[in-house]
Amino acid sequence: MRTKEIGTEAADPAEAWESRVAWTARCAIEVACLLATLVVVYVVSR
């Protein structure tokens, strides 16, 4: 599977770039949700 991923990236750099952007966006959304959860917990527990 790892070889297939590398092959796909080499075959279509634009698709690999989109995949990286999508992964970064997902990561940013998860971090934002985590921070929002922490803020809610902090406010409720005050």
C-alpha atoms as a PDB file:
ATOM      1  CA  MET A   1       0.000   0.000   0.000  1.00  0.00           C
ATOM      2  CA  ARG A   2       2.843   2.382   0.797  1.00  0.00           C
ATOM      3  CA  THR A   3       4.383   1.708  -2.621  1.00  0.00           C
ATOM      4  CA  LYS A   4       1.044   2.429  -4.300  1.00  0.00           C
ATOM      5  CA  GLU A   5       0.768   5.772  -2.491  1.00  0.00           C
ATOM      6  CA  ILE A   6       4.271   6.774  -3.541  1.00  0.00           C
ATOM      7  CA  GLY A   7       3.575   5.674  -7.113  1.00  0.00           C
ATOM      8  CA  THR A   8       0.369   7.695  -7.189  1.00  0.00           C
ATOM      9  CA  GLU A   9       2.179  10.803  -5.957  1.00  0.00           C
ATOM     10  CA  ALA A  10       4.848  10.417  -8.614  1.00  0.00           C
ATOM     11  CA  ALA A  11       2.247   9.836 -11.340  1.00  0.00           C
ATOM     12  CA  ASP A  12       0.122  12.894 -10.481  1.00  0.00           C
ATOM     13  CA  PRO A  13       1.832  15.614  -8.395  1.00  0.00           C
ATOM     14  CA  ALA A  14      -1.301  17.801  -8.465  1.00  0.00           C
ATOM     15  CA  GLU A  15      -3.333  15.030  -6.850  1.00  0.00           C
ATOM     16  CA  ALA A  16      -0.630  14.513  -4.222  1.00  0.00           C
ATOM     17  CA  TRP A  17      -0.673  18.262  -3.482  1.00  0.00           C
ATOM     18  CA  GLU A  18      -4.474  18.230  -3.109  1.00  0.00           C
ATOM     19  CA  SER A  19      -4.192  15.242  -0.787  1.00  0.00           C
ATOM     20  CA  ARG A  20      -1.647  17.087   1.357  1.00  0.00           C
ATOM     21  CA  VAL A  21      -3.843  20.195   1.474  1.00  0.00           C
ATOM     22  CA  ALA A  22      -6.858  18.074   2.441  1.00  0.00           C
ATOM     23  CA  TRP A  23      -4.828  16.381   5.204  1.00  0.00           C
ATOM     24  CA  THR A  24      -3.635  19.758   6.507  1.00  0.00           C
ATOM     25  CA  ALA A  25      -7.183  21.149   6.483  1.00  0.00           C
ATOM     26  CA  ARG A  26      -8.484  18.093   8.375  1.00  0.00           C
ATOM     27  CA  CYS A  27      -5.696  18.454  10.916  1.00  0.00           C
ATOM     28  CA  ALA A  28      -6.433  22.167  11.378  1.00  0.00           C
ATOM     29  CA  ILE A  29     -10.144  21.451  11.861  1.00  0.00           C
ATOM     30  CA  GLU A  30      -9.381  18.772  14.454  1.00  0.00           C
ATOM     31  CA  VAL A  31      -7.077  21.143  16.355  1.00  0.00           C
ATOM     32  CA  ALA A  32      -9.720  23.891  16.245  1.00  0.00           C
ATOM     33  CA  CYS A  33     -12.350  21.481  17.588  1.00  0.00           C
ATOM     34  CA  LEU A  34     -10.008  20.365  20.354  1.00  0.00           C
ATOM     35  CA  LEU A  35      -9.312  23.969  21.359  1.00  0.00           C
ATOM     36  CA  ALA A  36     -13.027  24.793  21.296  1.00  0.00           C
ATOM     37  CA  THR A  37     -13.714  21.792  23.535  1.00  0.00           C
ATOM     38  CA  LEU A  38     -11.031  22.888  25.986  1.00  0.00           C
ATOM     39  CA  VAL A  39     -12.456  26.423  26.075  1.00  0.00           C
ATOM     40  CA  VAL A  40     -15.965  25.099  26.745  1.00  0.00           C
ATOM     41  CA  VAL A  41     -14.679  22.860  29.548  1.00  0.00           C
ATOM     42  CA  TYR A  42     -12.755  25.794  31.038  1.00  0.00           C
ATOM     43  CA  VAL A  43     -15.744  28.151  30.910  1.00  0.00           C
ATOM     44  CA  VAL A  44     -18.152  25.574  32.349  1.00  0.00           C
ATOM     45  CA  SER A  45     -15.780  24.599  35.159  1.00  0.00           C
ATOM     46  CA  ARG A  46     -15.127  28.203  36.304  1.00  0.00           C
END
